[in-house]
C-alpha atoms as a PDB file:
ATOM      1  CA  MET A   1      -0.067   3.979  19.238  1.00  0.00           C
ATOM      2  CA  THR A   2       1.061   6.939  17.106  1.00  0.00           C
ATOM      3  CA  ILE A   3       2.515   6.788  13.609  1.00  0.00           C
ATOM      4  CA  SER A   4       6.009   7.463  14.908  1.00  0.00           C
ATOM      5  CA  GLU A   5       5.617   4.756  17.565  1.00  0.00           C
ATOM      6  CA  ARG A   6       4.649   2.286  14.812  1.00  0.00           C
ATOM      7  CA  VAL A   7       7.712   3.381  12.793  1.00  0.00           C
ATOM      8  CA  PHE A   8      10.048   2.680  15.729  1.00  0.00           C
ATOM      9  CA  ALA A   9       8.307  -0.591  16.594  1.00  0.00           C
ATOM     10  CA  ARG A  10       8.727  -1.735  12.996  1.00  0.00           C
ATOM     11  CA  LEU A  11      12.377  -0.641  12.955  1.00  0.00           C
ATOM     12  CA  ASN A  12      12.902  -2.873  16.000  1.00  0.00           C
ATOM     13  CA  GLU A  13      11.123  -5.798  14.296  1.00  0.00           C
ATOM     14  CA  LEU A  14      13.371  -5.419  11.257  1.00  0.00           C
ATOM     15  CA  ASN A  15      16.497  -4.847  13.375  1.00  0.00           C
ATOM     16  CA  MET A  16      17.031  -1.697  11.300  1.00  0.00           C
ATOM     17  CA  THR A  17      18.967   1.224  12.728  1.00  0.00           C
ATOM     18  CA  GLN A  18      17.741   4.786  12.476  1.00  0.00           C
ATOM     19  CA  LYS A  19      20.808   5.497  10.359  1.00  0.00           C
ATOM     20  CA  THR A  20      19.932   2.774   7.837  1.00  0.00           C
ATOM     21  CA  PHE A  21      16.303   3.923   7.841  1.00  0.00           C
ATOM     22  CA  SER A  22      17.501   7.483   7.199  1.00  0.00           C
ATOM     23  CA  GLU A  23      19.677   6.363   4.288  1.00  0.00           C
ATOM     24  CA  ARG A  24      16.903   4.298   2.683  1.00  0.00           C
ATOM     25  CA  THR A  25      14.196   6.944   3.054  1.00  0.00           C
ATOM     26  CA  GLY A  26      16.233  10.089   2.494  1.00  0.00           C
ATOM     27  CA  ILE A  27      14.827  11.480   5.746  1.00  0.00           C
ATOM     28  CA  SER A  28      17.476  13.125   7.923  1.00  0.00           C
ATOM     29  CA  GLN A  29      18.513  11.382  11.121  1.00  0.00           C
ATOM     30  CA  SER A  30      17.724  14.545  13.067  1.00  0.00           C
ATOM     31  CA  THR A  31      14.137  14.514  11.790  1.00  0.00           C
ATOM     32  CA  ILE A  32      13.753  10.858  12.765  1.00  0.00           C
ATOM     33  CA  SER A  33      15.182  11.627  16.227  1.00  0.00           C
ATOM     34  CA  GLU A  34      12.672  14.473  16.598  1.00  0.00           C
ATOM     35  CA  TRP A  35       9.826  12.018  16.003  1.00  0.00           C
ATOM     36  CA  LYS A  36      11.080   9.936  18.899  1.00  0.00           C
ATOM     37  CA  LYS A  37      12.091  12.752  21.249  1.00  0.00           C
ATOM     38  CA  LYS A  38       9.132  15.080  20.755  1.00  0.00           C
ATOM     39  CA  LYS A  39       6.659  12.316  19.900  1.00  0.00           C
ATOM     40  CA  THR A  40       5.799  14.001  16.613  1.00  0.00           C
ATOM     41  CA  ASN A  41       4.721  12.204  13.451  1.00  0.00           C
ATOM     42  CA  PRO A  42       6.208  12.167   9.945  1.00  0.00           C
ATOM     43  CA  THR A  43       4.759  14.568   7.408  1.00  0.00           C
ATOM     44  CA  SER A  44       2.253  13.227   4.897  1.00  0.00           C
ATOM     45  CA  GLU A  45       4.790  13.566   2.051  1.00  0.00           C
ATOM     46  CA  LYS A  46       6.990  10.940   3.721  1.00  0.00           C
ATOM     47  CA  ILE A  47       4.339   8.258   4.341  1.00  0.00           C
ATOM     48  CA  MET A  48       4.751   6.303   1.093  1.00  0.00           C
ATOM     49  CA  ILE A  49       8.562   6.075   1.227  1.00  0.00           C
ATOM     50  CA  ILE A  50       8.353   5.061   4.897  1.00  0.00           C
ATOM     51  CA  CYS A  51       5.850   2.328   4.014  1.00  0.00           C
ATOM     52  CA  LYS A  52       8.050   1.071   1.198  1.00  0.00           C
ATOM     53  CA  VAL A  53      11.198   0.898   3.335  1.00  0.00           C
ATOM     54  CA  LEU A  54       9.392  -0.659   6.319  1.00  0.00           C
ATOM     55  CA  GLU A  55       7.393  -2.998   4.049  1.00  0.00           C
ATOM     56  CA  VAL A  56       4.056  -2.019   5.581  1.00  0.00           C
ATOM     57  CA  SER A  57       0.788  -0.704   4.187  1.00  0.00           C
ATOM     58  CA  PRO A  58      -0.203   2.956   4.560  1.00  0.00           C
ATOM     59  CA  GLU A  59      -3.331   1.698   6.334  1.00  0.00           C
ATOM     60  CA  TRP A  60      -1.209  -0.006   8.991  1.00  0.00           C
ATOM     61  CA  LEU A  61       1.194   2.925   9.378  1.00  0.00           C
ATOM     62  CA  LEU A  62      -1.607   5.468   9.755  1.00  0.00           C
ATOM     63  CA  SER A  63      -4.070   3.468  11.839  1.00  0.00           C
ATOM     64  CA  GLY A  64      -2.432   0.300  13.080  1.00  0.00           C
ATOM     65  CA  ALA A  65      -5.060  -1.759  11.249  1.00  0.00           C
ATOM     66  CA  ASP A  66      -3.995  -4.123   8.502  1.00  0.00           C
ATOM     67  CA  ALA A  67      -6.271  -5.930   6.086  1.00  0.00           C
ATOM     68  CA  LYS A  68      -4.063  -9.017   6.445  1.00  0.00           C
ATOM     69  CA  SER A  69      -4.187  -9.082  10.223  1.00  0.00           C
ATOM     70  CA  SER A  70      -6.481 -11.376  12.147  1.00  0.00           C
ATOM     71  CA  ARG A  71      -8.166  -8.368  13.778  1.00  0.00           C
ATOM     72  CA  SER A  72      -9.335  -6.972  10.432  1.00  0.00           C
ATOM     73  CA  ALA A  73     -10.158 -10.419   9.064  1.00  0.00           C
ATOM     74  CA  SER A  74     -12.241 -11.335  12.088  1.00  0.00           C
ATOM     75  CA  SER A  75     -14.308  -8.184  11.720  1.00  0.00           C
ATOM     76  CA  GLY A  76     -15.043  -9.126   8.105  1.00  0.00           C
ATOM     77  CA  LYS A  77     -13.815  -5.718   6.980  1.00  0.00           C
ATOM     78  CA  LYS A  78     -12.549  -5.448   3.399  1.00  0.00           C
ATOM     79  CA  ASN A  79     -10.647  -2.514   1.965  1.00  0.00           C
ATOM     80  CA  ASP A  80     -12.779  -0.110  -0.020  1.00  0.00           C
ATOM     81  CA  TRP A  81      -9.677   1.437  -1.588  1.00  0.00           C
ATOM     82  CA  TYR A  82      -6.141   0.656  -2.674  1.00  0.00           C
ATOM     83  CA  VAL A  83      -2.867   2.551  -2.532  1.00  0.00           C
ATOM     84  CA  ILE A  84      -0.950   2.022  -5.767  1.00  0.00           C
ATOM     85  CA  ASP A  85       2.560   3.135  -6.627  1.00  0.00           C
ATOM     86  CA  LYS A  86       2.368   5.067  -9.926  1.00  0.00           C
ATOM     87  CA  LYS A  87       5.701   3.600 -11.014  1.00  0.00           C
ATOM     88  CA  THR A  88       4.292   0.063 -11.181  1.00  0.00           C
ATOM     89  CA  GLU A  89       2.497  -1.597 -14.076  1.00  0.00           C
ATOM     90  CA  LEU A  90      -0.813  -1.264 -12.214  1.00  0.00           C
ATOM     91  CA  GLY A  91      -0.055   2.375 -11.423  1.00  0.00           C
ATOM     92  CA  GLU A  92       0.551   3.038 -15.118  1.00  0.00           C
ATOM     93  CA  PHE A  93      -2.722   1.302 -15.962  1.00  0.00           C
ATOM     94  CA  VAL A  94      -4.666   3.437 -13.470  1.00  0.00           C
ATOM     95  CA  THR A  95      -2.975   6.626 -14.691  1.00  0.00           C
ATOM     96  CA  ASN A  96      -3.889   5.802 -18.298  1.00  0.00           C
ATOM     97  CA  TYR A  97      -7.431   4.831 -17.326  1.00  0.00           C
ATOM     98  CA  ASN A  98      -7.891   8.147 -15.498  1.00  0.00           C
ATOM     99  CA  SER A  99      -6.796  10.075 -18.582  1.00  0.00           C
ATOM    100  CA  MET A 100      -9.428   8.372 -20.804  1.00  0.00           C
ATOM    101  CA  SER A 101     -12.789   9.785 -21.808  1.00  0.00           C
ATOM    102  CA  LEU A 102     -15.843   8.264 -20.137  1.00  0.00           C
ATOM    103  CA  ASP A 103     -16.651   6.349 -23.345  1.00  0.00           C
ATOM    104  CA  HIS A 104     -13.178   4.835 -23.481  1.00  0.00           C
ATOM    105  CA  ARG A 105     -13.348   3.968 -19.784  1.00  0.00           C
ATOM    106  CA  ALA A 106     -16.633   2.132 -20.350  1.00  0.00           C
ATOM    107  CA  ARG A 107     -15.061   0.273 -23.260  1.00  0.00           C
ATOM    108  CA  MET A 108     -12.073  -0.711 -21.100  1.00  0.00           C
ATOM    109  CA  ILE A 109     -14.393  -2.020 -18.367  1.00  0.00           C
ATOM    110  CA  GLY A 110     -16.208  -4.031 -21.033  1.00  0.00           C
ATOM    111  CA  TYR A 111     -12.931  -5.533 -22.274  1.00  0.00           C
ATOM    112  CA  MET A 112     -11.972  -6.438 -18.739  1.00  0.00           C
ATOM    113  CA  ALA A 113     -15.352  -8.078 -18.049  1.00  0.00           C
ATOM    114  CA  ALA A 114     -15.083 -10.102 -21.269  1.00  0.00           C
ATOM    115  CA  LEU A 115     -11.540 -11.198 -20.416  1.00  0.00           C
ATOM    116  CA  MET A 116     -12.566 -12.223 -16.887  1.00  0.00           C
ATOM    117  CA  SER A 117     -15.475 -14.211 -18.322  1.00  0.00           C
ATOM    118  CA  MET A 118     -13.134 -15.994 -20.754  1.00  0.00           C
ATOM    119  CA  MET A 119     -10.716 -16.783 -17.936  1.00  0.00           C
ATOM    120  CA  LYS A 120     -13.530 -18.140 -15.767  1.00  0.00           C
ATOM    121  CA  SER A 121     -14.754 -20.380 -18.608  1.00  0.00           C
ATOM    122  CA  ALA A 122     -11.239 -21.661 -19.259  1.00  0.00           C
ATOM    123  CA  ASN A 123     -10.761 -22.440 -15.569  1.00  0.00           C
ATOM    124  CA  GLU A 124     -14.077 -24.278 -15.379  1.00  0.00           C
ATOM    125  CA  LYS A 125     -13.136 -26.389 -18.403  1.00  0.00           C
ATOM    126  CA  SER A 126      -9.724 -27.270 -16.979  1.00  0.00           C
ATOM    127  CA  ASP A 127     -11.283 -28.150 -13.594  1.00  0.00           C
ATOM    128  CA  GLY A 128     -13.784 -30.429 -15.320  1.00  0.00           C
ATOM    129  CA  ASN A 129     -11.135 -32.605 -17.002  1.00  0.00           C
END
């Protein structure tokens, strides 16, 4: 199945019209019709907005595989990467982390490890009561 075929299949699942999809993504209706008619795929610049509107992962849109699906789970495959929206709290964290020096990054990783250790200890204590 192609990317555009997955887009149209998902539109059907959501009972979303091409017009509504066009309005929510900012992609012209004529472009969306071209995907269907000429069996072409969306450009790479449009992938993230399409995923957001269709509520799917980029992995699923691009490949048809989804980490949450039984097919991926049964193969034992885990994601080696994440797609993060820069406008989210996590996206801001990653952006800030990437702008740090290597020394500051190491310090941040140390803080995170210490915090995780404290959380684990607290959970073990509360489970023991």
